[in-house]
PDB file of N, CA and C in Angstrom:
ATOM      1  N   MET A   1    -160.481  -7.015 144.253  1.00  0.00           N
ATOM      2  CA  MET A   1    -161.890  -6.919 143.950  1.00  0.00           C
ATOM      3  C   MET A   1    -162.269  -5.515 143.484  1.00  0.00           C
ATOM      4  N   LEU A   2    -161.711  -4.515 144.141  1.00  0.00           N
ATOM      5  CA  LEU A   2    -161.991  -3.132 143.777  1.00  0.00           C
ATOM      6  C   LEU A   2    -161.487  -2.824 142.368  1.00  0.00           C
ATOM      7  N   VAL A   3    -160.339  -3.383 142.023  1.00  0.00           N
ATOM      8  CA  VAL A   3    -159.776  -3.166 140.690  1.00  0.00           C
ATOM      9  C   VAL A   3    -160.677  -3.774 139.624  1.00  0.00           C
ATOM     10  N   ILE A   4    -161.221  -4.954 139.889  1.00  0.00           N
ATOM     11  CA  ILE A   4    -162.120  -5.608 138.926  1.00  0.00           C
ATOM     12  C   ILE A   4    -163.387  -4.788 138.736  1.00  0.00           C
ATOM     13  N   MET A   5    -163.941  -4.277 139.834  1.00  0.00           N
ATOM     14  CA  MET A   5    -165.146  -3.440 139.731  1.00  0.00           C
ATOM     15  C   MET A   5    -164.859  -2.166 138.952  1.00  0.00           C
ATOM     16  N   LEU A   6    -163.721  -1.554 139.230  1.00  0.00           N
ATOM     17  CA  LEU A   6    -163.349  -0.333 138.524  1.00  0.00           C
ATOM     18  C   LEU A   6    -163.149  -0.598 137.030  1.00  0.00           C
ATOM     19  N   CYS A   7    -162.495  -1.686 136.703  1.00  0.00           N
ATOM     20  CA  CYS A   7    -162.295  -2.046 135.285  1.00  0.00           C
ATOM     21  C   CYS A   7    -163.631  -2.312 134.591  1.00  0.00           C
ATOM     22  N   THR A   8    -164.548  -2.958 135.290  1.00  0.00           N
ATOM     23  CA  THR A   8    -165.873  -3.234 134.729  1.00  0.00           C
ATOM     24  C   THR A   8    -166.626  -1.937 134.456  1.00  0.00           C
ATOM     25  N   ILE A   9    -166.561  -1.005 135.378  1.00  0.00           N
ATOM     26  CA  ILE A   9    -167.229   0.292 135.204  1.00  0.00           C
ATOM     27  C   ILE A   9    -166.624   1.055 134.039  1.00  0.00           C
ATOM     28  N   VAL A  10    -165.314   1.068 133.944  1.00  0.00           N
ATOM     29  CA  VAL A  10    -164.637   1.776 132.847  1.00  0.00           C
ATOM     30  C   VAL A  10    -164.989   1.123 131.515  1.00  0.00           C
ATOM     31  N   PHE A  11    -164.992  -0.200 131.456  1.00  0.00           N
ATOM     32  CA  PHE A  11    -165.350  -0.893 130.216  1.00  0.00           C
ATOM     33  C   PHE A  11    -166.788  -0.570 129.808  1.00  0.00           C
ATOM     34  N   PHE A  12    -167.722  -0.611 130.773  1.00  0.00           N
ATOM     35  CA  PHE A  12    -169.122  -0.316 130.476  1.00  0.00           C
ATOM     36  C   PHE A  12    -169.260   1.112 129.953  1.00  0.00           C
ATOM     37  N   TRP A  13    -168.583   2.067 130.586  1.00  0.00           N
ATOM     38  CA  TRP A  13    -168.640   3.460 130.139  1.00  0.00           C
ATOM     39  C   TRP A  13    -168.085   3.579 128.717  1.00  0.00           C
ATOM     40  N   TRP A  14    -166.942   2.956 128.470  1.00  0.00           N
ATOM     41  CA  TRP A  14    -166.298   3.027 127.149  1.00  0.00           C
ATOM     42  C   TRP A  14    -167.212   2.415 126.083  1.00  0.00           C
ATOM     43  N   ASP A  15    -167.811   1.274 126.397  1.00  0.00           N
ATOM     44  CA  ASP A  15    -168.723   0.622 125.471  1.00  0.00           C
ATOM     45  C   ASP A  15    -169.942   1.501 125.214  1.00  0.00           C
ATOM     46  N   SER A  16    -170.482   2.135 126.245  1.00  0.00           N
ATOM     47  CA  SER A  16    -171.655   3.004 126.107  1.00  0.00           C
ATOM     48  C   SER A  16    -171.378   4.197 125.201  1.00  0.00           C
ATOM     49  N   VAL A  17    -170.184   4.751 125.287  1.00  0.00           N
ATOM     50  CA  VAL A  17    -169.813   5.874 124.413  1.00  0.00           C
ATOM     51  C   VAL A  17    -169.838   5.421 122.954  1.00  0.00           C
ATOM     52  N   GLY A  18    -169.295   4.247 122.674  1.00  0.00           N
ATOM     53  CA  GLY A  18    -169.290   3.726 121.305  1.00  0.00           C
ATOM     54  C   GLY A  18    -170.678   3.421 120.788  1.00  0.00           C
ATOM     55  N   VAL A  19    -171.522   2.853 121.643  1.00  0.00           N
ATOM     56  CA  VAL A  19    -172.895   2.523 121.237  1.00  0.00           C
ATOM     57  C   VAL A  19    -173.693   3.799 120.990  1.00  0.00           C
ATOM     58  N   LYS A  20    -173.490   4.808 121.808  1.00  0.00           N
ATOM     59  CA  LYS A  20    -174.194   6.078 121.606  1.00  0.00           C
ATOM     60  C   LYS A  20    -173.809   6.691 120.262  1.00  0.00           C
ATOM     61  N   GLU A  21    -172.549   6.593 119.897  1.00  0.00           N
ATOM     62  CA  GLU A  21    -172.092   7.114 118.601  1.00  0.00           C
ATOM     63  C   GLU A  21    -172.751   6.341 117.450  1.00  0.00           C
ATOM     64  N   LYS A  22    -172.870   5.027 117.588  1.00  0.00           N
ATOM     65  CA  LYS A  22    -173.536   4.231 116.558  1.00  0.00           C
ATOM     66  C   LYS A  22    -175.030   4.568 116.486  1.00  0.00           C
ATOM     67  N   ALA A  23    -175.652   4.832 117.635  1.00  0.00           N
ATOM     68  CA  ALA A  23    -177.065   5.222 117.657  1.00  0.00           C
ATOM     69  C   ALA A  23    -177.252   6.569 116.969  1.00  0.00           C
ATOM     70  N   ARG A  24    -176.347   7.502 117.214  1.00  0.00           N
ATOM     71  CA  ARG A  24    -176.422   8.817 116.565  1.00  0.00           C
ATOM     72  C   ARG A  24    -176.318   8.670 115.046  1.00  0.00           C
ATOM     73  N   GLU A  25    -175.406   7.833 114.597  1.00  0.00           N
ATOM     74  CA  GLU A  25    -175.252   7.606 113.152  1.00  0.00           C
ATOM     75  C   GLU A  25    -176.495   6.928 112.568  1.00  0.00           C
ATOM     76  N   ALA A  26    -177.072   5.974 113.293  1.00  0.00           N
ATOM     77  CA  ALA A  26    -178.296   5.308 112.825  1.00  0.00           C
ATOM     78  C   ALA A  26    -179.445   6.310 112.725  1.00  0.00           C
ATOM     79  N   GLY A  27    -179.561   7.206 113.700  1.00  0.00           N
ATOM     80  CA  GLY A  27    -180.601   8.237 113.653  1.00  0.00           C
ATOM     81  C   GLY A  27    -180.412   9.186 112.479  1.00  0.00           C
ATOM     82  N   ARG A  28    -179.176   9.591 112.259  1.00  0.00           N
ATOM     83  CA  ARG A  28    -178.885  10.489 111.142  1.00  0.00           C
ATOM     84  C   ARG A  28    -179.216   9.818 109.804  1.00  0.00           C
ATOM     85  N   GLN A  29    -178.811   8.572 109.639  1.00  0.00           N
ATOM     86  CA  GLN A  29    -179.090   7.855 108.388  1.00  0.00           C
ATOM     87  C   GLN A  29    -180.584   7.653 108.181  1.00  0.00           C
ATOM     88  N   HIS A  30    -181.299   7.329 109.250  1.00  0.00           N
ATOM     89  CA  HIS A  30    -182.747   7.132 109.151  1.00  0.00           C
ATOM     90  C   HIS A  30    -183.429   8.442 108.729  1.00  0.00           C
ATOM     91  N   CYS A  31    -182.999   9.554 109.319  1.00  0.00           N
ATOM     92  CA  CYS A  31    -183.565  10.854 108.951  1.00  0.00           C
ATOM     93  C   CYS A  31    -183.238  11.206 107.507  1.00  0.00           C
ATOM     94  N   ASP A  32    -182.039  10.898 107.058  1.00  0.00           N
ATOM     95  CA  ASP A  32    -181.672  11.155 105.661  1.00  0.00           C
ATOM     96  C   ASP A  32    -182.581  10.374 104.713  1.00  0.00           C
ATOM     97  N   ARG A  33    -182.836   9.100 105.032  1.00  0.00           N
ATOM     98  CA  ARG A  33    -183.709   8.285 104.181  1.00  0.00           C
ATOM     99  C   ARG A  33    -185.141   8.810 104.197  1.00  0.00           C
ATOM    100  N   ALA A  34    -185.593   9.336 105.338  1.00  0.00           N
ATOM    101  CA  ALA A  34    -186.964   9.872 105.452  1.00  0.00           C
ATOM    102  C   ALA A  34    -187.051  11.311 104.947  1.00  0.00           C
ATOM    103  N   GLU A  35    -185.918  11.874 104.563  1.00  0.00           N
ATOM    104  CA  GLU A  35    -185.834  13.246 104.051  1.00  0.00           C
ATOM    105  C   GLU A  35    -186.348  14.260 105.071  1.00  0.00           C
ATOM    106  N   VAL A  36    -185.913  14.088 106.329  1.00  0.00           N
ATOM    107  CA  VAL A  36    -186.195  15.046 107.394  1.00  0.00           C
ATOM    108  C   VAL A  36    -184.859  15.464 107.995  1.00  0.00           C
ATOM    109  N   GLN A  37    -184.899  16.519 108.785  1.00  0.00           N
ATOM    110  CA  GLN A  37    -183.678  17.069 109.388  1.00  0.00           C
ATOM    111  C   GLN A  37    -183.440  16.456 110.764  1.00  0.00           C
ATOM    112  N   PHE A  38    -182.267  15.867 110.961  1.00  0.00           N
ATOM    113  CA  PHE A  38    -181.840  15.323 112.248  1.00  0.00           C
ATOM    114  C   PHE A  38    -181.341  16.501 113.074  1.00  0.00           C
ATOM    115  N   LEU A  39    -182.056  16.833 114.163  1.00  0.00           N
ATOM    116  CA  LEU A  39    -181.766  18.056 114.905  1.00  0.00           C
ATOM    117  C   LEU A  39    -180.697  17.849 115.977  1.00  0.00           C
ATOM    118  N   ASP A  40    -179.906  18.858 116.201  1.00  0.00           N
ATOM    119  CA  ASP A  40    -178.905  18.940 117.262  1.00  0.00           C
ATOM    120  C   ASP A  40    -177.779  17.920 117.137  1.00  0.00           C
ATOM    121  N   ASP A  41    -177.817  17.061 116.112  1.00  0.00           N
ATOM    122  CA  ASP A  41    -176.770  16.068 115.867  1.00  0.00           C
ATOM    123  C   ASP A  41    -176.433  15.268 117.122  1.00  0.00           C
ATOM    124  N   THR A  42    -177.464  14.879 117.876  1.00  0.00           N
ATOM    125  CA  THR A  42    -177.229  14.136 119.120  1.00  0.00           C
ATOM    126  C   THR A  42    -178.398  13.213 119.437  1.00  0.00           C
ATOM    127  N   VAL A  43    -178.117  12.241 120.298  1.00  0.00           N
ATOM    128  CA  VAL A  43    -179.153  11.366 120.839  1.00  0.00           C
ATOM    129  C   VAL A  43    -179.053  11.415 122.357  1.00  0.00           C
ATOM    130  N   GLU A  44    -180.161  11.086 123.011  1.00  0.00           N
ATOM    131  CA  GLU A  44    -180.227  11.119 124.474  1.00  0.00           C
ATOM    132  C   GLU A  44    -180.513   9.706 124.981  1.00  0.00           C
ATOM    133  N   PHE A  45    -179.690   9.230 125.911  1.00  0.00           N
ATOM    134  CA  PHE A  45    -179.901   7.918 126.510  1.00  0.00           C
ATOM    135  C   PHE A  45    -181.169   7.945 127.353  1.00  0.00           C
ATOM    136  N   VAL A  46    -182.011   6.898 127.207  1.00  0.00           N
ATOM    137  CA  VAL A  46    -183.281   6.846 127.920  1.00  0.00           C
ATOM    138  C   VAL A  46    -183.373   5.638 128.855  1.00  0.00           C
ATOM    139  N   ARG A  47    -182.960   4.461 128.371  1.00  0.00           N
ATOM    140  CA  ARG A  47    -183.214   3.249 129.141  1.00  0.00           C
ATOM    141  C   ARG A  47    -182.194   2.162 128.821  1.00  0.00           C
ATOM    142  N   LEU A  48    -181.931   1.312 129.810  1.00  0.00           N
ATOM    143  CA  LEU A  48    -181.033   0.171 129.639  1.00  0.00           C
ATOM    144  C   LEU A  48    -181.732  -1.081 130.151  1.00  0.00           C
ATOM    145  N   ARG A  49    -181.762  -2.103 129.314  1.00  0.00           N
ATOM    146  CA  ARG A  49    -182.316  -3.399 129.688  1.00  0.00           C
ATOM    147  C   ARG A  49    -181.367  -4.486 129.179  1.00  0.00           C
ATOM    148  N   ILE A  50    -181.671  -5.712 129.503  1.00  0.00           N
ATOM    149  CA  ILE A  50    -180.914  -6.844 128.963  1.00  0.00           C
ATOM    150  C   ILE A  50    -181.879  -7.697 128.152  1.00  0.00           C
ATOM    151  N   ARG A  51    -181.446  -8.045 126.934  1.00  0.00           N
ATOM    152  CA  ARG A  51    -182.251  -8.894 126.048  1.00  0.00           C
ATOM    153  C   ARG A  51    -181.345  -9.886 125.356  1.00  0.00           C
ATOM    154  N   ARG A  52    -181.953 -10.890 124.794  1.00  0.00           N
ATOM    155  CA  ARG A  52    -181.203 -11.858 123.988  1.00  0.00           C
ATOM    156  C   ARG A  52    -181.196 -11.398 122.532  1.00  0.00           C
ATOM    157  N   ASN A  53    -180.053 -11.606 121.878  1.00  0.00           N
ATOM    158  CA  ASN A  53    -179.988 -11.285 120.453  1.00  0.00           C
ATOM    159  C   ASN A  53    -180.540 -12.471 119.657  1.00  0.00           C
ATOM    160  N   TYR A  54    -180.388 -12.418 118.351  1.00  0.00           N
ATOM    161  CA  TYR A  54    -180.964 -13.437 117.479  1.00  0.00           C
ATOM    162  C   TYR A  54    -180.254 -14.782 117.595  1.00  0.00           C
ATOM    163  N   HIS A  55    -179.096 -14.806 118.261  1.00  0.00           N
ATOM    164  CA  HIS A  55    -178.351 -16.042 118.490  1.00  0.00           C
ATOM    165  C   HIS A  55    -178.533 -16.552 119.919  1.00  0.00           C
ATOM    166  N   GLY A  56    -179.396 -15.909 120.696  1.00  0.00           N
ATOM    167  CA  GLY A  56    -179.674 -16.327 122.058  1.00  0.00           C
ATOM    168  C   GLY A  56    -178.706 -15.799 123.100  1.00  0.00           C
ATOM    169  N   GLN A  57    -177.775 -14.925 122.694  1.00  0.00           N
ATOM    170  CA  GLN A  57    -176.796 -14.364 123.627  1.00  0.00           C
ATOM    171  C   GLN A  57    -177.381 -13.136 124.323  1.00  0.00           C
ATOM    172  N   LEU A  58    -177.052 -12.967 125.620  1.00  0.00           N
ATOM    173  CA  LEU A  58    -177.515 -11.796 126.354  1.00  0.00           C
ATOM    174  C   LEU A  58    -176.732 -10.565 125.920  1.00  0.00           C
ATOM    175  N   ARG A  59    -177.459  -9.480 125.659  1.00  0.00           N
ATOM    176  CA  ARG A  59    -176.861  -8.217 125.241  1.00  0.00           C
ATOM    177  C   ARG A  59    -177.585  -7.076 125.942  1.00  0.00           C
ATOM    178  N   PHE A  60    -176.894  -5.945 126.052  1.00  0.00           N
ATOM    179  CA  PHE A  60    -177.551  -4.746 126.560  1.00  0.00           C
ATOM    180  C   PHE A  60    -178.495  -4.225 125.479  1.00  0.00           C
ATOM    181  N   TYR A  61    -179.690  -3.833 125.884  1.00  0.00           N
ATOM    182  CA  TYR A  61    -180.687  -3.255 124.976  1.00  0.00           C
ATOM    183  C   TYR A  61    -180.891  -1.814 125.424  1.00  0.00           C
ATOM    184  N   ARG A  62    -180.288  -0.893 124.685  1.00  0.00           N
ATOM    185  CA  ARG A  62    -180.315   0.519 125.060  1.00  0.00           C
ATOM    186  C   ARG A  62    -181.327   1.264 124.206  1.00  0.00           C
ATOM    187  N   THR A  63    -181.999   2.217 124.830  1.00  0.00           N
ATOM    188  CA  THR A  63    -182.960   3.056 124.125  1.00  0.00           C
ATOM    189  C   THR A  63    -182.442   4.486 124.133  1.00  0.00           C
ATOM    190  N   TYR A  64    -182.461   5.116 122.960  1.00  0.00           N
ATOM    191  CA  TYR A  64    -182.029   6.504 122.800  1.00  0.00           C
ATOM    192  C   TYR A  64    -183.151   7.296 122.145  1.00  0.00           C
ATOM    193  N   ARG A  65    -183.223   8.572 122.461  1.00  0.00           N
ATOM    194  CA  ARG A  65    -184.212   9.475 121.884  1.00  0.00           C
ATOM    195  C   ARG A  65    -183.482  10.541 121.070  1.00  0.00           C
ATOM    196  N   PHE A  66    -184.104  10.956 119.979  1.00  0.00           N
ATOM    197  CA  PHE A  66    -183.561  12.045 119.168  1.00  0.00           C
ATOM    198  C   PHE A  66    -184.707  12.919 118.687  1.00  0.00           C
ATOM    199  N   GLU A  67    -184.370  14.077 118.159  1.00  0.00           N
ATOM    200  CA  GLU A  67    -185.392  14.980 117.627  1.00  0.00           C
ATOM    201  C   GLU A  67    -185.112  15.240 116.159  1.00  0.00           C
ATOM    202  N   PHE A  68    -186.203  15.450 115.415  1.00  0.00           N
ATOM    203  CA  PHE A  68    -186.089  15.740 113.988  1.00  0.00           C
ATOM    204  C   PHE A  68    -187.175  16.720 113.600  1.00  0.00           C
ATOM    205  N   SER A  69    -187.047  17.260 112.399  1.00  0.00           N
ATOM    206  CA  SER A  69    -188.039  18.203 111.890  1.00  0.00           C
ATOM    207  C   SER A  69    -188.245  17.950 110.408  1.00  0.00           C
ATOM    208  N   SER A  70    -189.490  18.018 109.992  1.00  0.00           N
ATOM    209  CA  SER A  70    -189.794  17.861 108.561  1.00  0.00           C
ATOM    210  C   SER A  70    -189.928  19.215 107.876  1.00  0.00           C
ATOM    211  N   THR A  71    -190.286  20.244 108.644  1.00  0.00           N
ATOM    212  CA  THR A  71    -190.525  21.557 108.047  1.00  0.00           C
ATOM    213  C   THR A  71    -189.536  22.612 108.536  1.00  0.00           C
ATOM    214  N   GLY A  72    -188.807  22.319 109.594  1.00  0.00           N
ATOM    215  CA  GLY A  72    -187.908  23.292 110.193  1.00  0.00           C
ATOM    216  C   GLY A  72    -188.582  24.134 111.260  1.00  0.00           C
ATOM    217  N   ALA A  73    -189.905  24.017 111.386  1.00  0.00           N
ATOM    218  CA  ALA A  73    -190.636  24.831 112.351  1.00  0.00           C
ATOM    219  C   ALA A  73    -190.999  24.056 113.614  1.00  0.00           C
ATOM    220  N   ALA A  74    -191.257  22.793 113.486  1.00  0.00           N
ATOM    221  CA  ALA A  74    -191.697  21.989 114.631  1.00  0.00           C
ATOM    222  C   ALA A  74    -190.711  20.846 114.873  1.00  0.00           C
ATOM    223  N   ARG A  75    -190.569  20.460 116.144  1.00  0.00           N
ATOM    224  CA  ARG A  75    -189.683  19.353 116.514  1.00  0.00           C
ATOM    225  C   ARG A  75    -190.525  18.121 116.825  1.00  0.00           C
ATOM    226  N   PHE A  76    -190.040  16.984 116.361  1.00  0.00           N
ATOM    227  CA  PHE A  76    -190.692  15.708 116.617  1.00  0.00           C
ATOM    228  C   PHE A  76    -189.668  14.754 117.210  1.00  0.00           C
ATOM    229  N   GLN A  77    -190.153  13.717 117.891  1.00  0.00           N
ATOM    230  CA  GLN A  77    -189.238  12.788 118.538  1.00  0.00           C
ATOM    231  C   GLN A  77    -189.160  11.458 117.801  1.00  0.00           C
ATOM    232  N   GLY A  78    -187.986  10.881 117.877  1.00  0.00           N
ATOM    233  CA  GLY A  78    -187.752   9.544 117.363  1.00  0.00           C
ATOM    234  C   GLY A  78    -187.055   8.729 118.433  1.00  0.00           C
ATOM    235  N   THR A  79    -187.094   7.422 118.276  1.00  0.00           N
ATOM    236  CA  THR A  79    -186.483   6.520 119.238  1.00  0.00           C
ATOM    237  C   THR A  79    -185.634   5.493 118.504  1.00  0.00           C
ATOM    238  N   ILE A  80    -184.449   5.251 119.028  1.00  0.00           N
ATOM    239  CA  ILE A  80    -183.538   4.256 118.470  1.00  0.00           C
ATOM    240  C   ILE A  80    -183.332   3.176 119.525  1.00  0.00           C
ATOM    241  N   TYR A  81    -183.493   1.924 119.123  1.00  0.00           N
ATOM    242  CA  TYR A  81    -183.276   0.789 120.013  1.00  0.00           C
ATOM    243  C   TYR A  81    -182.011   0.068 119.543  1.00  0.00           C
ATOM    244  N   MET A  82    -181.037  -0.023 120.449  1.00  0.00           N
ATOM    245  CA  MET A  82    -179.765  -0.658 120.126  1.00  0.00           C
ATOM    246  C   MET A  82    -179.654  -1.989 120.863  1.00  0.00           C
ATOM    247  N   LEU A  83    -179.462  -3.067 120.139  1.00  0.00           N
ATOM    248  CA  LEU A  83    -179.256  -4.391 120.721  1.00  0.00           C
ATOM    249  C   LEU A  83    -177.765  -4.690 120.630  1.00  0.00           C
ATOM    250  N   GLY A  84    -177.091  -4.568 121.755  1.00  0.00           N
ATOM    251  CA  GLY A  84    -175.631  -4.640 121.738  1.00  0.00           C
ATOM    252  C   GLY A  84    -175.103  -3.392 121.051  1.00  0.00           C
ATOM    253  N   ARG A  85    -174.321  -3.576 120.005  1.00  0.00           N
ATOM    254  CA  ARG A  85    -173.776  -2.440 119.248  1.00  0.00           C
ATOM    255  C   ARG A  85    -174.496  -2.257 117.907  1.00  0.00           C
ATOM    256  N   THR A  86    -175.633  -2.946 117.738  1.00  0.00           N
ATOM    257  CA  THR A  86    -176.349  -2.937 116.471  1.00  0.00           C
ATOM    258  C   THR A  86    -177.719  -2.277 116.629  1.00  0.00           C
ATOM    259  N   PRO A  87    -178.087  -1.381 115.710  1.00  0.00           N
ATOM    260  CA  PRO A  87    -179.440  -0.807 115.762  1.00  0.00           C
ATOM    261  C   PRO A  87    -180.477  -1.902 115.537  1.00  0.00           C
ATOM    262  N   ASP A  88    -181.430  -2.025 116.445  1.00  0.00           N
ATOM    263  CA  ASP A  88    -182.495  -3.015 116.316  1.00  0.00           C
ATOM    264  C   ASP A  88    -183.665  -2.430 115.535  1.00  0.00           C
ATOM    265  N   LYS A  89    -184.073  -1.212 115.913  1.00  0.00           N
ATOM    266  CA  LYS A  89    -185.130  -0.528 115.157  1.00  0.00           C
ATOM    267  C   LYS A  89    -185.085   0.964 115.476  1.00  0.00           C
ATOM    268  N   VAL A  90    -185.648   1.726 114.549  1.00  0.00           N
ATOM    269  CA  VAL A  90    -185.758   3.178 114.710  1.00  0.00           C
ATOM    270  C   VAL A  90    -187.218   3.532 114.461  1.00  0.00           C
ATOM    271  N   GLN A  91    -187.807   4.267 115.402  1.00  0.00           N
ATOM    272  CA  GLN A  91    -189.195   4.697 115.258  1.00  0.00           C
ATOM    273  C   GLN A  91    -189.233   6.222 115.260  1.00  0.00           C
ATOM    274  N   MET A  92    -190.175   6.748 114.482  1.00  0.00           N
ATOM    275  CA  MET A  92    -190.328   8.204 114.415  1.00  0.00           C
ATOM    276  C   MET A  92    -191.785   8.568 114.671  1.00  0.00           C
ATOM    277  N   GLN A  93    -191.970   9.653 115.427  1.00  0.00           N
ATOM    278  CA  GLN A  93    -193.298  10.191 115.691  1.00  0.00           C
ATOM    279  C   GLN A  93    -193.908  10.632 114.345  1.00  0.00           C
ATOM    280  N   ALA A  94    -195.223  10.543 114.226  1.00  0.00           N
ATOM    281  CA  ALA A  94    -195.892  10.997 113.014  1.00  0.00           C
ATOM    282  C   ALA A  94    -195.632  12.486 112.830  1.00  0.00           C
ATOM    283  N   TYR A  95    -195.361  12.887 111.599  1.00  0.00           N
ATOM    284  CA  TYR A  95    -195.032  14.278 111.303  1.00  0.00           C
ATOM    285  C   TYR A  95    -195.645  14.696 109.974  1.00  0.00           C
ATOM    286  N   PRO A  96    -195.917  15.997 109.801  1.00  0.00           N
ATOM    287  CA  PRO A  96    -196.459  16.474 108.532  1.00  0.00           C
ATOM    288  C   PRO A  96    -195.349  16.493 107.475  1.00  0.00           C
ATOM    289  N   PRO A  97    -195.695  16.216 106.232  1.00  0.00           N
ATOM    290  CA  PRO A  97    -194.685  16.261 105.176  1.00  0.00           C
ATOM    291  C   PRO A  97    -194.210  17.683 104.911  1.00  0.00           C
ATOM    292  N   ALA A  98    -192.979  17.774 104.441  1.00  0.00           N
ATOM    293  CA  ALA A  98    -192.423  19.100 104.078  1.00  0.00           C
ATOM    294  C   ALA A  98    -193.129  19.592 102.818  1.00  0.00           C
ATOM    295  N   LEU A  99    -193.299  20.887 102.734  1.00  0.00           N
ATOM    296  CA  LEU A  99    -193.978  21.463 101.559  1.00  0.00           C
ATOM    297  C   LEU A  99    -193.035  21.672 100.424  1.00  0.00           C
TER     298      LEU A  99
END
């Protein structure tokens, strides 16, 4: 029983590392499309829930936070929602346009 629990924990950790990397890439791509700077090249884990995907299967729904800048002077926050290993949506705080 202990071995099964340990394997489950290791699998969850390994999966979380991969999902975080995909979230970081989704944040970077979203910032590139919005023509803003993705700061610190990282995302921060915020929340874990369980949701159903579009096929009705249960998946982990992870929320990550990142920071970006449009002018280089101020930092703004964005949020990435990952459904399983797929980005569900990316939201960005309102920011002033770059000059």
